[in-house]
Amino acid sequence: LPIRRAVIAVILAICLIAAVGFVVPMPLDVLVFWTNSIIIEFVLGCALGYYYIRQGRRENTGIFLVAVAAGLIWYYLGHYDYLTGDRFFDRGISAALLVYGFVFHMPSWMDNPVRPIAKWVGDSSYSLYLSHPFALAIVAMAWPRSLVTPVLYLIVAAAAAVLGGILSYLIIERPVTAWLKRRASSRRAAAEPVLAPS
């Protein structure tokens, strides 16, 4: 499929799955998860990615500040139950606003401090996805019960999750991926027919 049709097809399929989960009670936990509105966050990711391919980055400090401020305010309202209580509406939209601001309109003077960090986090995103429950559990167990500061806890937990993801990427994912690539290359080389000299 052309990329435009493929993106539209993925968006429609995910929205349909989420709509079914909203209307029909699911009998299995795995079906509850896969029909939860959280999957619509993937729709936002697809839409932003497609828009970036089509439009690219357009530096605009004003839009950047508005998008980031709106994302933080939206997250705050959702975190303290001023919104719907729905994961996608309370968290997904705020995340999309932040991503939109930083990816599309971040001022160029922020490139040097932000871009290397963003690259590390992007490269390790799959490891972060797999390892963050362990990092968050460790922070939760080690956090002093007397220190009731949600914002500080959020910052420490997020930093621990990102650090854990990067370490997991460096120690496990990258070496394993390199080994698999070498193995695949050697198999392809072994499978190629050897032509006899004429």
N, C-alpha and C. Protein backbone atom coordinates (compact mmCIF):
# COMPACT_ATOMS: atom_id res chain seq x y z
N LEU A 1 0.83 -1.20 0.00
CA LEU A 1 0.00 0.00 0.00
C LEU A 1 0.87 1.26 0.00
N PRO A 2 0.43 2.32 -0.68
CA PRO A 2 1.11 3.61 -0.54
C PRO A 2 1.06 4.06 0.92
N ILE A 3 2.06 4.83 1.33
CA ILE A 3 2.17 5.17 2.75
C ILE A 3 0.92 5.88 3.27
N ARG A 4 0.31 6.74 2.44
CA ARG A 4 -0.87 7.48 2.90
C ARG A 4 -2.02 6.52 3.20
N ARG A 5 -2.24 5.57 2.29
CA ARG A 5 -3.31 4.60 2.51
C ARG A 5 -2.99 3.66 3.67
N ALA A 6 -1.71 3.31 3.80
CA ALA A 6 -1.31 2.42 4.90
C ALA A 6 -1.55 3.08 6.25
N VAL A 7 -1.18 4.36 6.37
CA VAL A 7 -1.38 5.08 7.62
C VAL A 7 -2.87 5.19 7.94
N ILE A 8 -3.69 5.51 6.94
CA ILE A 8 -5.13 5.61 7.16
C ILE A 8 -5.70 4.26 7.57
N ALA A 9 -5.24 3.18 6.93
CA ALA A 9 -5.74 1.84 7.26
C ALA A 9 -5.39 1.46 8.69
N VAL A 10 -4.14 1.76 9.12
CA VAL A 10 -3.73 1.45 10.49
C VAL A 10 -4.56 2.26 11.49
N ILE A 11 -4.76 3.53 11.20
CA ILE A 11 -5.54 4.39 12.10
C ILE A 11 -6.96 3.88 12.24
N LEU A 12 -7.61 3.55 11.12
CA LEU A 12 -8.99 3.07 11.15
C LEU A 12 -9.09 1.73 11.89
N ALA A 13 -8.11 0.85 11.66
CA ALA A 13 -8.14 -0.47 12.31
C ALA A 13 -8.02 -0.33 13.83
N ILE A 14 -7.08 0.51 14.28
CA ILE A 14 -6.88 0.70 15.72
C ILE A 14 -8.10 1.35 16.36
N CYS A 15 -8.66 2.35 15.70
CA CYS A 15 -9.86 3.01 16.24
C CYS A 15 -11.02 2.03 16.32
N LEU A 16 -11.15 1.16 15.32
CA LEU A 16 -12.22 0.16 15.34
C LEU A 16 -12.05 -0.81 16.50
N ILE A 17 -10.80 -1.26 16.72
CA ILE A 17 -10.53 -2.18 17.84
C ILE A 17 -10.87 -1.52 19.18
N ALA A 18 -10.45 -0.26 19.34
CA ALA A 18 -10.75 0.45 20.58
C ALA A 18 -12.25 0.66 20.76
N ALA A 19 -12.96 0.92 19.66
CA ALA A 19 -14.41 1.11 19.74
C ALA A 19 -15.11 -0.18 20.17
N VAL A 20 -14.63 -1.31 19.65
CA VAL A 20 -15.21 -2.60 20.06
C VAL A 20 -14.99 -2.82 21.56
N GLY A 21 -13.80 -2.51 22.04
CA GLY A 21 -13.53 -2.67 23.47
C GLY A 21 -14.36 -1.74 24.33
N PHE A 22 -14.72 -0.59 23.80
CA PHE A 22 -15.55 0.36 24.56
C PHE A 22 -16.98 -0.14 24.68
N VAL A 23 -17.47 -0.87 23.67
CA VAL A 23 -18.87 -1.29 23.62
C VAL A 23 -19.07 -2.69 24.18
N VAL A 24 -18.12 -3.59 23.87
CA VAL A 24 -18.30 -5.01 24.20
C VAL A 24 -17.37 -5.40 25.35
N PRO A 25 -17.89 -5.96 26.44
CA PRO A 25 -17.03 -6.44 27.54
C PRO A 25 -16.13 -7.59 27.04
N MET A 26 -14.87 -7.51 27.35
CA MET A 26 -13.92 -8.52 26.90
C MET A 26 -13.74 -9.60 27.96
N PRO A 27 -13.73 -10.88 27.56
CA PRO A 27 -13.64 -11.97 28.55
C PRO A 27 -12.23 -12.26 29.05
N LEU A 28 -11.22 -11.85 28.31
CA LEU A 28 -9.83 -12.18 28.66
C LEU A 28 -9.03 -10.90 28.89
N ASP A 29 -8.08 -10.99 29.83
CA ASP A 29 -7.27 -9.81 30.15
C ASP A 29 -6.51 -9.29 28.94
N VAL A 30 -5.99 -10.20 28.12
CA VAL A 30 -5.23 -9.77 26.95
C VAL A 30 -6.12 -9.00 25.99
N LEU A 31 -7.39 -9.40 25.87
CA LEU A 31 -8.32 -8.69 25.00
C LEU A 31 -8.70 -7.34 25.61
N VAL A 32 -8.79 -7.30 26.94
CA VAL A 32 -9.07 -6.03 27.61
C VAL A 32 -7.97 -5.02 27.31
N PHE A 33 -6.72 -5.50 27.35
CA PHE A 33 -5.59 -4.61 27.09
C PHE A 33 -5.59 -4.15 25.64
N TRP A 34 -5.76 -5.08 24.70
CA TRP A 34 -5.63 -4.72 23.30
C TRP A 34 -6.82 -3.93 22.76
N THR A 35 -7.90 -3.85 23.54
CA THR A 35 -9.03 -3.02 23.12
C THR A 35 -9.17 -1.78 24.00
N ASN A 36 -8.19 -1.56 24.88
CA ASN A 36 -8.21 -0.38 25.73
C ASN A 36 -7.92 0.87 24.90
N SER A 37 -8.44 2.01 25.33
CA SER A 37 -8.24 3.24 24.57
C SER A 37 -6.78 3.66 24.50
N ILE A 38 -5.93 3.04 25.32
CA ILE A 38 -4.50 3.37 25.27
C ILE A 38 -3.92 3.12 23.88
N ILE A 39 -4.49 2.16 23.15
CA ILE A 39 -3.91 1.85 21.83
C ILE A 39 -4.12 2.99 20.84
N ILE A 40 -5.07 3.90 21.14
CA ILE A 40 -5.27 5.03 20.24
C ILE A 40 -4.05 5.96 20.28
N GLU A 41 -3.23 5.85 21.33
CA GLU A 41 -1.99 6.63 21.36
C GLU A 41 -1.09 6.26 20.17
N PHE A 42 -1.17 5.00 19.72
CA PHE A 42 -0.42 4.61 18.52
C PHE A 42 -0.94 5.36 17.30
N VAL A 43 -2.24 5.64 17.28
CA VAL A 43 -2.82 6.42 16.18
C VAL A 43 -2.18 7.80 16.13
N LEU A 44 -2.07 8.43 17.29
CA LEU A 44 -1.44 9.74 17.34
C LEU A 44 0.01 9.67 16.85
N GLY A 45 0.72 8.61 17.24
CA GLY A 45 2.09 8.44 16.78
C GLY A 45 2.16 8.27 15.27
N CYS A 46 1.25 7.47 14.70
CA CYS A 46 1.21 7.30 13.24
C CYS A 46 0.93 8.63 12.54
N ALA A 47 -0.05 9.37 13.08
CA ALA A 47 -0.42 10.65 12.46
C ALA A 47 0.73 11.65 12.52
N LEU A 48 1.39 11.73 13.67
CA LEU A 48 2.52 12.66 13.80
C LEU A 48 3.68 12.25 12.88
N GLY A 49 3.94 10.95 12.81
CA GLY A 49 5.01 10.48 11.94
C GLY A 49 4.74 10.77 10.47
N TYR A 50 3.50 10.53 10.05
CA TYR A 50 3.14 10.80 8.67
C TYR A 50 3.22 12.30 8.38
N TYR A 51 2.73 13.10 9.31
CA TYR A 51 2.77 14.55 9.13
C TYR A 51 4.22 15.05 9.04
N TYR A 52 5.11 14.44 9.83
CA TYR A 52 6.52 14.84 9.79
C TYR A 52 7.13 14.50 8.44
N ILE A 53 6.79 13.33 7.89
CA ILE A 53 7.31 12.95 6.58
C ILE A 53 6.85 13.94 5.51
N ARG A 54 5.60 14.37 5.63
CA ARG A 54 5.05 15.28 4.63
C ARG A 54 5.51 16.72 4.81
N GLN A 55 5.59 17.19 6.05
CA GLN A 55 5.84 18.61 6.31
C GLN A 55 7.25 18.91 6.80
N GLY A 56 7.85 17.97 7.53
CA GLY A 56 9.16 18.23 8.10
C GLY A 56 9.08 19.18 9.29
N ARG A 57 10.25 19.62 9.73
CA ARG A 57 10.33 20.50 10.89
C ARG A 57 10.23 21.96 10.47
N ARG A 58 9.46 22.72 11.22
CA ARG A 58 9.32 24.15 10.96
C ARG A 58 9.50 24.89 12.28
N GLU A 59 10.69 25.40 12.48
CA GLU A 59 11.01 26.05 13.75
C GLU A 59 10.08 27.23 14.01
N ASN A 60 9.45 27.21 15.19
CA ASN A 60 8.56 28.30 15.58
C ASN A 60 8.49 28.32 17.11
N THR A 61 9.18 29.26 17.72
CA THR A 61 9.27 29.30 19.18
C THR A 61 7.91 29.49 19.82
N GLY A 62 7.06 30.31 19.23
CA GLY A 62 5.74 30.56 19.80
C GLY A 62 4.89 29.30 19.85
N ILE A 63 4.81 28.58 18.72
CA ILE A 63 4.03 27.34 18.68
C ILE A 63 4.65 26.31 19.63
N PHE A 64 5.97 26.26 19.67
CA PHE A 64 6.66 25.33 20.57
C PHE A 64 6.25 25.57 22.02
N LEU A 65 6.30 26.82 22.46
CA LEU A 65 5.95 27.14 23.84
C LEU A 65 4.48 26.84 24.14
N VAL A 66 3.60 27.16 23.20
CA VAL A 66 2.17 26.91 23.40
C VAL A 66 1.90 25.41 23.49
N ALA A 67 2.51 24.62 22.58
CA ALA A 67 2.28 23.18 22.57
C ALA A 67 2.80 22.52 23.85
N VAL A 68 4.01 22.90 24.28
CA VAL A 68 4.59 22.31 25.48
C VAL A 68 3.79 22.71 26.72
N ALA A 69 3.42 23.99 26.82
CA ALA A 69 2.63 24.44 27.96
C ALA A 69 1.28 23.73 28.00
N ALA A 70 0.64 23.61 26.84
CA ALA A 70 -0.66 22.94 26.78
C ALA A 70 -0.53 21.47 27.18
N GLY A 71 0.56 20.82 26.71
CA GLY A 71 0.76 19.42 27.07
C GLY A 71 0.97 19.22 28.56
N LEU A 72 1.75 20.10 29.18
CA LEU A 72 2.01 19.99 30.63
C LEU A 72 0.74 20.28 31.43
N ILE A 73 -0.01 21.29 31.02
CA ILE A 73 -1.25 21.62 31.73
C ILE A 73 -2.26 20.48 31.59
N TRP A 74 -2.36 19.93 30.37
CA TRP A 74 -3.28 18.81 30.14
C TRP A 74 -2.90 17.61 31.00
N TYR A 75 -1.59 17.34 31.07
CA TYR A 75 -1.14 16.22 31.92
C TYR A 75 -1.48 16.48 33.38
N TYR A 76 -1.26 17.68 33.84
CA TYR A 76 -1.56 18.03 35.24
C TYR A 76 -3.04 17.81 35.53
N LEU A 77 -3.90 18.29 34.65
CA LEU A 77 -5.35 18.14 34.86
C LEU A 77 -5.76 16.67 34.87
N GLY A 78 -5.15 15.88 33.98
CA GLY A 78 -5.47 14.46 33.95
C GLY A 78 -4.94 13.72 35.16
N HIS A 79 -3.73 14.09 35.58
CA HIS A 79 -3.11 13.42 36.72
C HIS A 79 -3.92 13.61 38.00
N TYR A 80 -4.50 14.79 38.16
CA TYR A 80 -5.26 15.08 39.37
C TYR A 80 -6.77 14.95 39.16
N ASP A 81 -7.14 14.15 38.14
CA ASP A 81 -8.54 13.74 37.93
C ASP A 81 -9.50 14.90 37.67
N TYR A 82 -9.00 15.91 36.98
CA TYR A 82 -9.89 17.00 36.57
C TYR A 82 -10.53 16.70 35.21
N LEU A 83 -10.05 15.66 34.54
CA LEU A 83 -10.58 15.33 33.21
C LEU A 83 -11.46 14.09 33.29
N THR A 84 -11.36 13.20 32.32
CA THR A 84 -12.32 12.10 32.20
C THR A 84 -11.95 10.86 32.98
N GLY A 85 -10.66 10.67 33.27
CA GLY A 85 -10.21 9.40 33.86
C GLY A 85 -9.83 8.38 32.80
N ASP A 86 -10.05 8.70 31.52
CA ASP A 86 -9.67 7.81 30.43
C ASP A 86 -8.19 7.99 30.11
N ARG A 87 -7.48 6.89 29.95
CA ARG A 87 -6.03 6.94 29.75
C ARG A 87 -5.66 7.76 28.51
N PHE A 88 -6.30 7.45 27.40
CA PHE A 88 -5.96 8.16 26.16
C PHE A 88 -6.26 9.65 26.27
N PHE A 89 -7.43 9.99 26.75
CA PHE A 89 -7.82 11.40 26.79
C PHE A 89 -6.96 12.17 27.78
N ASP A 90 -6.68 11.58 28.93
CA ASP A 90 -5.95 12.28 29.98
C ASP A 90 -4.44 12.30 29.76
N ARG A 91 -3.89 11.24 29.17
CA ARG A 91 -2.44 11.12 29.02
C ARG A 91 -1.99 11.21 27.56
N GLY A 92 -2.70 10.54 26.69
CA GLY A 92 -2.28 10.47 25.30
C GLY A 92 -2.24 11.81 24.61
N ILE A 93 -3.25 12.63 24.83
CA ILE A 93 -3.28 13.93 24.17
C ILE A 93 -2.16 14.83 24.69
N SER A 94 -1.92 14.80 26.00
CA SER A 94 -0.83 15.61 26.54
C SER A 94 0.52 15.17 25.97
N ALA A 95 0.72 13.86 25.83
CA ALA A 95 1.97 13.35 25.25
C ALA A 95 2.11 13.79 23.79
N ALA A 96 0.99 13.73 23.05
CA ALA A 96 1.04 14.13 21.64
C ALA A 96 1.38 15.61 21.49
N LEU A 97 0.85 16.44 22.37
CA LEU A 97 1.16 17.87 22.32
C LEU A 97 2.65 18.12 22.59
N LEU A 98 3.21 17.40 23.56
CA LEU A 98 4.63 17.57 23.87
C LEU A 98 5.50 17.10 22.70
N VAL A 99 5.17 15.95 22.14
CA VAL A 99 5.93 15.44 21.00
C VAL A 99 5.83 16.40 19.82
N TYR A 100 4.62 16.89 19.57
CA TYR A 100 4.42 17.82 18.46
C TYR A 100 5.28 19.08 18.64
N GLY A 101 5.28 19.64 19.84
CA GLY A 101 6.06 20.84 20.08
C GLY A 101 7.55 20.61 19.88
N PHE A 102 8.08 19.53 20.46
CA PHE A 102 9.52 19.30 20.39
C PHE A 102 9.97 18.85 19.00
N VAL A 103 9.21 17.99 18.36
CA VAL A 103 9.64 17.44 17.07
C VAL A 103 9.48 18.45 15.94
N PHE A 104 8.38 19.18 15.93
CA PHE A 104 8.08 20.04 14.78
C PHE A 104 8.54 21.48 14.94
N HIS A 105 8.57 22.00 16.16
CA HIS A 105 8.76 23.44 16.31
C HIS A 105 9.82 23.84 17.33
N MET A 106 10.65 22.91 17.79
CA MET A 106 11.66 23.24 18.79
C MET A 106 12.66 24.26 18.24
N PRO A 107 12.96 25.30 19.00
CA PRO A 107 13.94 26.30 18.53
C PRO A 107 15.32 25.66 18.30
N SER A 108 16.04 26.19 17.32
CA SER A 108 17.33 25.60 16.94
C SER A 108 18.36 25.69 18.06
N TRP A 109 18.24 26.71 18.94
CA TRP A 109 19.23 26.84 20.00
C TRP A 109 19.14 25.71 21.03
N MET A 110 18.03 24.96 21.00
CA MET A 110 17.87 23.83 21.91
C MET A 110 18.42 22.54 21.32
N ASP A 111 18.86 22.57 20.06
CA ASP A 111 19.32 21.34 19.40
C ASP A 111 20.47 20.68 20.14
N ASN A 112 21.50 21.46 20.47
CA ASN A 112 22.70 20.87 21.08
C ASN A 112 22.41 20.15 22.39
N PRO A 113 21.66 20.75 23.34
CA PRO A 113 21.41 20.01 24.58
C PRO A 113 20.34 18.93 24.45
N VAL A 114 19.38 19.10 23.55
CA VAL A 114 18.23 18.19 23.50
C VAL A 114 18.44 17.04 22.52
N ARG A 115 18.98 17.32 21.34
CA ARG A 115 19.04 16.30 20.29
C ARG A 115 19.83 15.05 20.70
N PRO A 116 21.03 15.17 21.32
CA PRO A 116 21.74 13.94 21.72
C PRO A 116 20.96 13.10 22.73
N ILE A 117 20.31 13.78 23.68
CA ILE A 117 19.50 13.05 24.66
C ILE A 117 18.33 12.36 23.97
N ALA A 118 17.68 13.10 23.08
CA ALA A 118 16.53 12.53 22.36
C ALA A 118 16.95 11.33 21.51
N LYS A 119 18.14 11.40 20.92
CA LYS A 119 18.62 10.28 20.10
C LYS A 119 18.86 9.04 20.96
N TRP A 120 19.49 9.24 22.12
CA TRP A 120 19.71 8.10 23.02
C TRP A 120 18.38 7.49 23.45
N VAL A 121 17.44 8.34 23.84
CA VAL A 121 16.14 7.83 24.28
C VAL A 121 15.41 7.15 23.12
N GLY A 122 15.52 7.72 21.92
CA GLY A 122 14.87 7.10 20.76
C GLY A 122 15.48 5.75 20.42
N ASP A 123 16.81 5.68 20.42
CA ASP A 123 17.48 4.41 20.11
C ASP A 123 17.12 3.32 21.12
N SER A 124 16.95 3.74 22.37
CA SER A 124 16.69 2.75 23.43
C SER A 124 15.20 2.62 23.75
N SER A 125 14.33 3.13 22.88
CA SER A 125 12.90 3.18 23.20
C SER A 125 12.30 1.80 23.42
N TYR A 126 12.72 0.81 22.61
CA TYR A 126 12.16 -0.54 22.79
C TYR A 126 12.64 -1.15 24.10
N SER A 127 13.92 -0.97 24.41
CA SER A 127 14.43 -1.44 25.70
C SER A 127 13.73 -0.71 26.85
N LEU A 128 13.49 0.57 26.67
CA LEU A 128 12.77 1.35 27.69
C LEU A 128 11.37 0.78 27.90
N TYR A 129 10.71 0.45 26.80
CA TYR A 129 9.35 -0.12 26.88
C TYR A 129 9.35 -1.42 27.67
N LEU A 130 10.37 -2.25 27.46
CA LEU A 130 10.41 -3.55 28.13
C LEU A 130 10.91 -3.47 29.57
N SER A 131 11.81 -2.52 29.83
CA SER A 131 12.46 -2.49 31.14
C SER A 131 11.84 -1.52 32.14
N HIS A 132 11.01 -0.59 31.69
CA HIS A 132 10.55 0.45 32.61
C HIS A 132 9.73 -0.08 33.79
N PRO A 133 8.96 -1.19 33.65
CA PRO A 133 8.25 -1.67 34.85
C PRO A 133 9.19 -2.04 36.00
N PHE A 134 10.36 -2.58 35.65
CA PHE A 134 11.32 -2.96 36.69
C PHE A 134 11.93 -1.72 37.35
N ALA A 135 12.27 -0.71 36.54
CA ALA A 135 12.83 0.52 37.10
C ALA A 135 11.82 1.22 37.99
N LEU A 136 10.58 1.28 37.55
CA LEU A 136 9.54 1.95 38.36
C LEU A 136 9.28 1.18 39.65
N ALA A 137 9.33 -0.15 39.58
CA ALA A 137 9.12 -0.95 40.79
C ALA A 137 10.24 -0.72 41.80
N ILE A 138 11.47 -0.61 41.31
CA ILE A 138 12.60 -0.36 42.21
C ILE A 138 12.46 1.01 42.88
N VAL A 139 12.08 2.02 42.10
CA VAL A 139 11.89 3.35 42.67
C VAL A 139 10.77 3.33 43.70
N ALA A 140 9.68 2.64 43.40
CA ALA A 140 8.55 2.57 44.33
C ALA A 140 8.95 1.92 45.65
N MET A 141 9.77 0.87 45.57
CA MET A 141 10.19 0.17 46.79
C MET A 141 11.18 1.00 47.59
N ALA A 142 12.05 1.74 46.90
CA ALA A 142 13.10 2.50 47.59
C ALA A 142 12.65 3.88 48.04
N TRP A 143 11.53 4.35 47.55
CA TRP A 143 11.09 5.72 47.85
C TRP A 143 10.70 5.87 49.31
N PRO A 144 11.23 6.85 50.01
CA PRO A 144 10.87 7.04 51.43
C PRO A 144 9.39 7.38 51.58
N ARG A 145 8.69 6.66 52.44
CA ARG A 145 7.25 6.88 52.62
C ARG A 145 6.96 8.27 53.19
N SER A 146 7.92 8.83 53.88
CA SER A 146 7.70 10.15 54.47
C SER A 146 7.79 11.28 53.45
N LEU A 147 8.36 10.97 52.28
CA LEU A 147 8.57 12.00 51.26
C LEU A 147 7.41 11.97 50.27
N VAL A 148 6.36 12.71 50.59
CA VAL A 148 5.16 12.74 49.76
C VAL A 148 5.25 13.96 48.84
N THR A 149 5.92 13.77 47.72
CA THR A 149 6.08 14.85 46.74
C THR A 149 5.87 14.26 45.35
N PRO A 150 4.64 14.30 44.84
CA PRO A 150 4.34 13.65 43.55
C PRO A 150 5.23 14.12 42.41
N VAL A 151 5.49 15.42 42.33
CA VAL A 151 6.28 15.93 41.21
C VAL A 151 7.71 15.40 41.26
N LEU A 152 8.32 15.41 42.45
CA LEU A 152 9.67 14.89 42.60
C LEU A 152 9.71 13.40 42.30
N TYR A 153 8.71 12.69 42.79
CA TYR A 153 8.64 11.24 42.53
C TYR A 153 8.54 10.99 41.02
N LEU A 154 7.72 11.78 40.33
CA LEU A 154 7.56 11.61 38.89
C LEU A 154 8.88 11.84 38.17
N ILE A 155 9.63 12.87 38.57
CA ILE A 155 10.90 13.18 37.93
C ILE A 155 11.91 12.05 38.16
N VAL A 156 12.00 11.59 39.41
CA VAL A 156 12.96 10.52 39.74
C VAL A 156 12.57 9.22 39.03
N ALA A 157 11.28 8.90 39.03
CA ALA A 157 10.83 7.66 38.39
C ALA A 157 11.08 7.70 36.88
N ALA A 158 10.80 8.84 36.26
CA ALA A 158 11.02 8.96 34.82
C ALA A 158 12.51 8.86 34.49
N ALA A 159 13.34 9.52 35.29
CA ALA A 159 14.79 9.45 35.06
C ALA A 159 15.31 8.03 35.24
N ALA A 160 14.81 7.33 36.25
CA ALA A 160 15.24 5.94 36.48
C ALA A 160 14.81 5.04 35.32
N ALA A 161 13.59 5.26 34.81
CA ALA A 161 13.11 4.44 33.70
C ALA A 161 13.95 4.69 32.44
N VAL A 162 14.26 5.95 32.16
CA VAL A 162 15.07 6.27 30.98
C VAL A 162 16.48 5.71 31.12
N LEU A 163 17.08 5.89 32.29
CA LEU A 163 18.42 5.36 32.52
C LEU A 163 18.43 3.84 32.40
N GLY A 164 17.43 3.19 32.98
CA GLY A 164 17.33 1.73 32.86
C GLY A 164 17.17 1.28 31.42
N GLY A 165 16.39 2.04 30.65
CA GLY A 165 16.21 1.69 29.24
C GLY A 165 17.50 1.83 28.45
N ILE A 166 18.25 2.90 28.71
CA ILE A 166 19.52 3.11 28.00
C ILE A 166 20.52 2.02 28.37
N LEU A 167 20.61 1.68 29.66
CA LEU A 167 21.53 0.61 30.08
C LEU A 167 21.13 -0.72 29.46
N SER A 168 19.83 -1.01 29.44
CA SER A 168 19.36 -2.25 28.84
C SER A 168 19.69 -2.28 27.35
N TYR A 169 19.58 -1.13 26.70
CA TYR A 169 19.90 -1.04 25.27
C TYR A 169 21.39 -1.31 25.04
N LEU A 170 22.24 -0.69 25.85
CA LEU A 170 23.68 -0.84 25.66
C LEU A 170 24.17 -2.24 26.02
N ILE A 171 23.61 -2.81 27.09
CA ILE A 171 24.11 -4.08 27.61
C ILE A 171 23.48 -5.28 26.89
N ILE A 172 22.19 -5.16 26.50
CA ILE A 172 21.48 -6.32 25.95
C ILE A 172 21.09 -6.12 24.49
N GLU A 173 20.26 -5.07 24.24
CA GLU A 173 19.66 -4.96 22.90
C GLU A 173 20.69 -4.76 21.80
N ARG A 174 21.60 -3.80 21.96
CA ARG A 174 22.54 -3.51 20.88
C ARG A 174 23.47 -4.68 20.60
N PRO A 175 24.08 -5.32 21.63
CA PRO A 175 24.93 -6.49 21.33
C PRO A 175 24.15 -7.64 20.69
N VAL A 176 22.94 -7.91 21.19
CA VAL A 176 22.15 -9.01 20.62
C VAL A 176 21.76 -8.70 19.18
N THR A 177 21.36 -7.45 18.91
CA THR A 177 20.99 -7.06 17.55
C THR A 177 22.18 -7.18 16.60
N ALA A 178 23.36 -6.75 17.06
CA ALA A 178 24.56 -6.85 16.23
C ALA A 178 24.89 -8.31 15.94
N TRP A 179 24.76 -9.19 16.95
CA TRP A 179 25.03 -10.61 16.76
C TRP A 179 24.06 -11.22 15.76
N LEU A 180 22.76 -10.87 15.88
CA LEU A 180 21.77 -11.41 14.95
C LEU A 180 22.03 -10.94 13.52
N LYS A 181 22.45 -9.67 13.37
CA LYS A 181 22.75 -9.17 12.03
C LYS A 181 23.94 -9.90 11.43
N ARG A 182 24.98 -10.12 12.26
CA ARG A 182 26.15 -10.85 11.75
C ARG A 182 25.76 -12.27 11.34
N ARG A 183 24.93 -12.89 12.15
CA ARG A 183 24.51 -14.27 11.85
C ARG A 183 23.68 -14.31 10.57
N ALA A 184 22.76 -13.35 10.43
CA ALA A 184 21.94 -13.30 9.22
C ALA A 184 22.79 -13.06 7.99
N SER A 185 23.80 -12.19 8.11
CA SER A 185 24.68 -11.90 6.98
C SER A 185 25.49 -13.13 6.58
N SER A 186 25.99 -13.87 7.58
CA SER A 186 26.78 -15.06 7.27
C SER A 186 25.91 -16.14 6.63
N ARG A 187 24.65 -16.24 7.06
CA ARG A 187 23.75 -17.23 6.45
C ARG A 187 23.45 -16.87 5.00
N ARG A 188 23.22 -15.56 4.75
CA ARG A 188 22.96 -15.15 3.39
C ARG A 188 24.17 -15.41 2.50
N ALA A 189 25.36 -15.12 3.05
CA ALA A 189 26.57 -15.36 2.28
C ALA A 189 26.76 -16.84 1.99
N ALA A 190 26.42 -17.69 2.96
CA ALA A 190 26.58 -19.14 2.77
C ALA A 190 25.56 -19.67 1.77
N ALA A 191 24.38 -19.03 1.69
CA ALA A 191 23.34 -19.50 0.81
C ALA A 191 23.52 -19.06 -0.63
N GLU A 192 24.37 -18.03 -0.86
CA GLU A 192 24.58 -17.56 -2.23
C GLU A 192 25.38 -18.59 -3.02
N PRO A 193 24.94 -18.82 -4.24
CA PRO A 193 25.69 -19.81 -5.05
C PRO A 193 27.06 -19.30 -5.45
N VAL A 194 28.01 -20.19 -5.43
CA VAL A 194 29.38 -19.85 -5.81
C VAL A 194 29.56 -20.14 -7.29
N LEU A 195 29.86 -19.11 -8.07
CA LEU A 195 30.03 -19.28 -9.50
C LEU A 195 31.44 -19.76 -9.82
N ALA A 196 31.49 -20.78 -10.62
CA ALA A 196 32.80 -21.30 -11.02
C ALA A 196 33.45 -20.35 -12.00
N PRO A 197 34.73 -20.18 -11.90
CA PRO A 197 35.41 -19.28 -12.85
C PRO A 197 35.30 -19.80 -14.26
N SER A 198 35.05 -18.91 -15.20
CA SER A 198 34.90 -19.32 -16.60
C SER A 198 36.27 -19.42 -17.28
